Amino acid sequence: MIDERILIGKTVEEGTEYVKINGYELFIVQDKWMVQKPLTRGVYVVVVDNKITKLKDVRH
């Protein structure tokens, strides 16, 4: 399970490692982007200056 409190503030590399350990893939999206029926199980995040700033969605 992905804990947003742990993920926010991590670098992209740290976040990628964290989600892989939990069986997901990390995807970087724009804040205004809407996640619509992705085919890939993943964690969708917004990144600013190489830091994860927002968790947009988790698809199982």
PDB file of N, CA and C in Angstrom:
ATOM      1  N   MET A   1       0.846  -1.180   0.000  1.00  0.00           N
ATOM      2  CA  MET A   1       0.000   0.000   0.000  1.00  0.00           C
ATOM      3  C   MET A   1       0.890   1.243   0.000  1.00  0.00           C
ATOM      4  N   ILE A   2       0.504   2.248  -0.758  1.00  0.00           N
ATOM      5  CA  ILE A   2       1.282   3.471  -0.887  1.00  0.00           C
ATOM      6  C   ILE A   2       0.816   4.477   0.165  1.00  0.00           C
ATOM      7  N   ASP A   3       1.747   4.978   0.953  1.00  0.00           N
ATOM      8  CA  ASP A   3       1.450   5.985   1.975  1.00  0.00           C
ATOM      9  C   ASP A   3       1.876   7.348   1.432  1.00  0.00           C
ATOM     10  N   GLU A   4       0.896   8.207   1.185  1.00  0.00           N
ATOM     11  CA  GLU A   4       1.155   9.528   0.612  1.00  0.00           C
ATOM     12  C   GLU A   4       2.118  10.335   1.470  1.00  0.00           C
ATOM     13  N   ARG A   5       2.013  10.200   2.793  1.00  0.00           N
ATOM     14  CA  ARG A   5       2.884  10.955   3.701  1.00  0.00           C
ATOM     15  C   ARG A   5       4.353  10.570   3.525  1.00  0.00           C
ATOM     16  N   ILE A   6       4.608   9.330   3.170  1.00  0.00           N
ATOM     17  CA  ILE A   6       5.989   8.883   2.940  1.00  0.00           C
ATOM     18  C   ILE A   6       6.473   9.347   1.568  1.00  0.00           C
ATOM     19  N   LEU A   7       5.596   9.314   0.580  1.00  0.00           N
ATOM     20  CA  LEU A   7       5.974   9.607  -0.803  1.00  0.00           C
ATOM     21  C   LEU A   7       6.247  11.090  -1.058  1.00  0.00           C
ATOM     22  N   ILE A   8       5.433  11.977  -0.498  1.00  0.00           N
ATOM     23  CA  ILE A   8       5.578  13.420  -0.733  1.00  0.00           C
ATOM     24  C   ILE A   8       6.923  13.897  -0.179  1.00  0.00           C
ATOM     25  N   GLY A   9       7.659  14.651  -0.981  1.00  0.00           N
ATOM     26  CA  GLY A   9       8.951  15.192  -0.559  1.00  0.00           C
ATOM     27  C   GLY A   9      10.140  14.355  -0.983  1.00  0.00           C
ATOM     28  N   LYS A  10       9.881  13.117  -1.434  1.00  0.00           N
ATOM     29  CA  LYS A  10      10.988  12.280  -1.910  1.00  0.00           C
ATOM     30  C   LYS A  10      11.435  12.762  -3.287  1.00  0.00           C
ATOM     31  N   THR A  11      12.700  12.469  -3.632  1.00  0.00           N
ATOM     32  CA  THR A  11      13.156  12.736  -4.989  1.00  0.00           C
ATOM     33  C   THR A  11      12.507  11.698  -5.906  1.00  0.00           C
ATOM     34  N   VAL A  12      12.599  11.921  -7.204  1.00  0.00           N
ATOM     35  CA  VAL A  12      12.034  10.975  -8.169  1.00  0.00           C
ATOM     36  C   VAL A  12      12.674   9.595  -7.977  1.00  0.00           C
ATOM     37  N   GLU A  13      13.979   9.556  -7.762  1.00  0.00           N
ATOM     38  CA  GLU A  13      14.683   8.279  -7.591  1.00  0.00           C
ATOM     39  C   GLU A  13      14.201   7.552  -6.331  1.00  0.00           C
ATOM     40  N   GLU A  14      14.083   8.282  -5.226  1.00  0.00           N
ATOM     41  CA  GLU A  14      13.606   7.683  -3.976  1.00  0.00           C
ATOM     42  C   GLU A  14      12.161   7.207  -4.117  1.00  0.00           C
ATOM     43  N   GLY A  15      11.340   8.011  -4.779  1.00  0.00           N
ATOM     44  CA  GLY A  15       9.943   7.653  -4.984  1.00  0.00           C
ATOM     45  C   GLY A  15       9.790   6.429  -5.863  1.00  0.00           C
ATOM     46  N   THR A  16      10.616   6.343  -6.900  1.00  0.00           N
ATOM     47  CA  THR A  16      10.584   5.184  -7.787  1.00  0.00           C
ATOM     48  C   THR A  16      10.910   3.916  -7.007  1.00  0.00           C
ATOM     49  N   GLU A  17      11.925   3.974  -6.185  1.00  0.00           N
ATOM     50  CA  GLU A  17      12.318   2.822  -5.366  1.00  0.00           C
ATOM     51  C   GLU A  17      11.199   2.441  -4.394  1.00  0.00           C
ATOM     52  N   TYR A  18      10.588   3.425  -3.752  1.00  0.00           N
ATOM     53  CA  TYR A  18       9.511   3.180  -2.793  1.00  0.00           C
ATOM     54  C   TYR A  18       8.314   2.483  -3.461  1.00  0.00           C
ATOM     55  N   VAL A  19       7.883   2.977  -4.615  1.00  0.00           N
ATOM     56  CA  VAL A  19       6.709   2.369  -5.249  1.00  0.00           C
ATOM     57  C   VAL A  19       7.037   0.992  -5.828  1.00  0.00           C
ATOM     58  N   LYS A  20       8.276   0.790  -6.318  1.00  0.00           N
ATOM     59  CA  LYS A  20       8.659  -0.529  -6.835  1.00  0.00           C
ATOM     60  C   LYS A  20       8.637  -1.587  -5.738  1.00  0.00           C
ATOM     61  N   ILE A  21       9.093  -1.215  -4.542  1.00  0.00           N
ATOM     62  CA  ILE A  21       9.066  -2.141  -3.407  1.00  0.00           C
ATOM     63  C   ILE A  21       7.633  -2.583  -3.125  1.00  0.00           C
ATOM     64  N   ASN A  22       6.682  -1.684  -3.363  1.00  0.00           N
ATOM     65  CA  ASN A  22       5.267  -1.968  -3.128  1.00  0.00           C
ATOM     66  C   ASN A  22       4.562  -2.549  -4.357  1.00  0.00           C
ATOM     67  N   GLY A  23       5.320  -2.847  -5.422  1.00  0.00           N
ATOM     68  CA  GLY A  23       4.752  -3.507  -6.591  1.00  0.00           C
ATOM     69  C   GLY A  23       4.110  -2.598  -7.616  1.00  0.00           C
ATOM     70  N   TYR A  24       4.471  -1.327  -7.616  1.00  0.00           N
ATOM     71  CA  TYR A  24       3.898  -0.362  -8.562  1.00  0.00           C
ATOM     72  C   TYR A  24       4.988   0.234  -9.447  1.00  0.00           C
ATOM     73  N   GLU A  25       4.549   0.974 -10.449  1.00  0.00           N
ATOM     74  CA  GLU A  25       5.447   1.744 -11.299  1.00  0.00           C
ATOM     75  C   GLU A  25       5.115   3.220 -11.088  1.00  0.00           C
ATOM     76  N   LEU A  26       6.141   4.089 -11.125  1.00  0.00           N
ATOM     77  CA  LEU A  26       5.940   5.520 -10.902  1.00  0.00           C
ATOM     78  C   LEU A  26       5.775   6.240 -12.235  1.00  0.00           C
ATOM     79  N   PHE A  27       4.740   7.078 -12.325  1.00  0.00           N
ATOM     80  CA  PHE A  27       4.497   7.885 -13.515  1.00  0.00           C
ATOM     81  C   PHE A  27       4.428   9.347 -13.101  1.00  0.00           C
ATOM     82  N   ILE A  28       5.134  10.198 -13.828  1.00  0.00           N
ATOM     83  CA  ILE A  28       5.121  11.641 -13.566  1.00  0.00           C
ATOM     84  C   ILE A  28       4.103  12.274 -14.503  1.00  0.00           C
ATOM     85  N   VAL A  29       3.178  13.045 -13.924  1.00  0.00           N
ATOM     86  CA  VAL A  29       2.128  13.701 -14.706  1.00  0.00           C
ATOM     87  C   VAL A  29       2.064  15.175 -14.345  1.00  0.00           C
ATOM     88  N   GLN A  30       1.372  15.942 -15.171  1.00  0.00           N
ATOM     89  CA  GLN A  30       1.153  17.353 -14.870  1.00  0.00           C
ATOM     90  C   GLN A  30       0.006  17.479 -13.889  1.00  0.00           C
ATOM     91  N   ASP A  31       0.032  18.510 -13.067  1.00  0.00           N
ATOM     92  CA  ASP A  31      -0.989  18.703 -12.042  1.00  0.00           C
ATOM     93  C   ASP A  31      -2.386  18.797 -12.643  1.00  0.00           C
ATOM     94  N   LYS A  32      -2.515  19.430 -13.805  1.00  0.00           N
ATOM     95  CA  LYS A  32      -3.834  19.606 -14.412  1.00  0.00           C
ATOM     96  C   LYS A  32      -4.307  18.373 -15.174  1.00  0.00           C
ATOM     97  N   TRP A  33      -3.454  17.372 -15.306  1.00  0.00           N
ATOM     98  CA  TRP A  33      -3.773  16.155 -16.048  1.00  0.00           C
ATOM     99  C   TRP A  33      -4.702  15.266 -15.253  1.00  0.00           C
ATOM    100  N   MET A  34      -5.673  14.672 -15.892  1.00  0.00           N
ATOM    101  CA  MET A  34      -6.598  13.752 -15.235  1.00  0.00           C
ATOM    102  C   MET A  34      -6.232  12.322 -15.613  1.00  0.00           C
ATOM    103  N   VAL A  35      -6.146  11.444 -14.628  1.00  0.00           N
ATOM    104  CA  VAL A  35      -5.836  10.037 -14.882  1.00  0.00           C
ATOM    105  C   VAL A  35      -7.132   9.359 -15.311  1.00  0.00           C
ATOM    106  N   GLN A  36      -7.129   8.843 -16.552  1.00  0.00           N
ATOM    107  CA  GLN A  36      -8.343   8.228 -17.081  1.00  0.00           C
ATOM    108  C   GLN A  36      -8.055   6.816 -17.567  1.00  0.00           C
ATOM    109  N   LYS A  37      -8.516   5.850 -16.831  1.00  0.00           N
ATOM    110  CA  LYS A  37      -8.443   4.439 -17.198  1.00  0.00           C
ATOM    111  C   LYS A  37      -7.086   3.989 -17.721  1.00  0.00           C
ATOM    112  N   PRO A  38      -6.025   4.205 -16.970  1.00  0.00           N
ATOM    113  CA  PRO A  38      -4.729   3.723 -17.449  1.00  0.00           C
ATOM    114  C   PRO A  38      -4.689   2.202 -17.432  1.00  0.00           C
ATOM    115  N   LEU A  39      -3.930   1.632 -18.336  1.00  0.00           N
ATOM    116  CA  LEU A  39      -3.819   0.188 -18.421  1.00  0.00           C
ATOM    117  C   LEU A  39      -2.737  -0.344 -17.497  1.00  0.00           C
ATOM    118  N   THR A  40      -1.897   0.547 -16.987  1.00  0.00           N
ATOM    119  CA  THR A  40      -0.754   0.139 -16.186  1.00  0.00           C
ATOM    120  C   THR A  40      -1.013   0.407 -14.712  1.00  0.00           C
ATOM    121  N   ARG A  41      -0.719  -0.611 -13.916  1.00  0.00           N
ATOM    122  CA  ARG A  41      -0.802  -0.449 -12.458  1.00  0.00           C
ATOM    123  C   ARG A  41       0.303   0.512 -12.055  1.00  0.00           C
ATOM    124  N   GLY A  42      -0.070   1.610 -11.432  1.00  0.00           N
ATOM    125  CA  GLY A  42       0.968   2.575 -11.116  1.00  0.00           C
ATOM    126  C   GLY A  42       0.544   3.660 -10.161  1.00  0.00           C
ATOM    127  N   VAL A  43       1.542   4.446  -9.783  1.00  0.00           N
ATOM    128  CA  VAL A  43       1.371   5.590  -8.907  1.00  0.00           C
ATOM    129  C   VAL A  43       1.651   6.825  -9.758  1.00  0.00           C
ATOM    130  N   TYR A  44       0.700   7.742  -9.823  1.00  0.00           N
ATOM    131  CA  TYR A  44       0.795   8.929 -10.657  1.00  0.00           C
ATOM    132  C   TYR A  44       1.054  10.135  -9.764  1.00  0.00           C
ATOM    133  N   VAL A  45       2.180  10.817  -9.981  1.00  0.00           N
ATOM    134  CA  VAL A  45       2.600  11.906  -9.104  1.00  0.00           C
ATOM    135  C   VAL A  45       2.961  13.158  -9.895  1.00  0.00           C
ATOM    136  N   VAL A  46       2.913  14.304  -9.207  1.00  0.00           N
ATOM    137  CA  VAL A  46       3.362  15.579  -9.759  1.00  0.00           C
ATOM    138  C   VAL A  46       4.735  15.852  -9.160  1.00  0.00           C
ATOM    139  N   VAL A  47       5.687  16.268 -10.018  1.00  0.00           N
ATOM    140  CA  VAL A  47       7.060  16.512  -9.584  1.00  0.00           C
ATOM    141  C   VAL A  47       7.442  17.957  -9.892  1.00  0.00           C
ATOM    142  N   VAL A  48       8.055  18.628  -8.911  1.00  0.00           N
ATOM    143  CA  VAL A  48       8.588  19.972  -9.085  1.00  0.00           C
ATOM    144  C   VAL A  48      10.020  19.957  -8.555  1.00  0.00           C
ATOM    145  N   ASP A  49      10.966  20.394  -9.385  1.00  0.00           N
ATOM    146  CA  ASP A  49      12.381  20.443  -9.002  1.00  0.00           C
ATOM    147  C   ASP A  49      12.875  19.104  -8.459  1.00  0.00           C
ATOM    148  N   ASN A  50      12.514  18.005  -9.147  1.00  0.00           N
ATOM    149  CA  ASN A  50      12.938  16.647  -8.813  1.00  0.00           C
ATOM    150  C   ASN A  50      12.386  16.139  -7.476  1.00  0.00           C
ATOM    151  N   LYS A  51      11.388  16.817  -6.913  1.00  0.00           N
ATOM    152  CA  LYS A  51      10.741  16.372  -5.669  1.00  0.00           C
ATOM    153  C   LYS A  51       9.273  16.075  -5.954  1.00  0.00           C
ATOM    154  N   ILE A  52       8.776  14.995  -5.390  1.00  0.00           N
ATOM    155  CA  ILE A  52       7.364  14.646  -5.534  1.00  0.00           C
ATOM    156  C   ILE A  52       6.558  15.591  -4.642  1.00  0.00           C
ATOM    157  N   THR A  53       5.623  16.322  -5.260  1.00  0.00           N
ATOM    158  CA  THR A  53       4.864  17.324  -4.514  1.00  0.00           C
ATOM    159  C   THR A  53       3.404  16.938  -4.301  1.00  0.00           C
ATOM    160  N   LYS A  54       2.909  16.007  -5.126  1.00  0.00           N
ATOM    161  CA  LYS A  54       1.489  15.669  -5.016  1.00  0.00           C
ATOM    162  C   LYS A  54       1.241  14.266  -5.567  1.00  0.00           C
ATOM    163  N   LEU A  55       0.414  13.521  -4.878  1.00  0.00           N
ATOM    164  CA  LEU A  55      -0.012  12.210  -5.356  1.00  0.00           C
ATOM    165  C   LEU A  55      -1.330  12.400  -6.086  1.00  0.00           C
ATOM    166  N   LYS A  56      -1.339  12.128  -7.387  1.00  0.00           N
ATOM    167  CA  LYS A  56      -2.561  12.310  -8.189  1.00  0.00           C
ATOM    168  C   LYS A  56      -3.481  11.106  -8.108  1.00  0.00           C
ATOM    169  N   ASP A  57      -2.908   9.881  -8.207  1.00  0.00           N
ATOM    170  CA  ASP A  57      -3.741   8.698  -8.259  1.00  0.00           C
ATOM    171  C   ASP A  57      -2.893   7.454  -8.057  1.00  0.00           C
ATOM    172  N   VAL A  58      -3.548   6.391  -7.581  1.00  0.00           N
ATOM    173  CA  VAL A  58      -2.925   5.070  -7.489  1.00  0.00           C
ATOM    174  C   VAL A  58      -3.866   4.106  -8.188  1.00  0.00           C
ATOM    175  N   ARG A  59      -3.351   3.429  -9.197  1.00  0.00           N
ATOM    176  CA  ARG A  59      -4.188   2.458  -9.945  1.00  0.00           C
ATOM    177  C   ARG A  59      -3.711   1.055  -9.624  1.00  0.00           C
ATOM    178  N   HIS A  60      -4.661   0.207  -9.238  1.00  0.00           N
ATOM    179  CA  HIS A  60      -4.333  -1.164  -8.811  1.00  0.00           C
ATOM    180  C   HIS A  60      -4.474  -2.138  -9.941  1.00  0.00           C
TER     181      HIS A  60
END
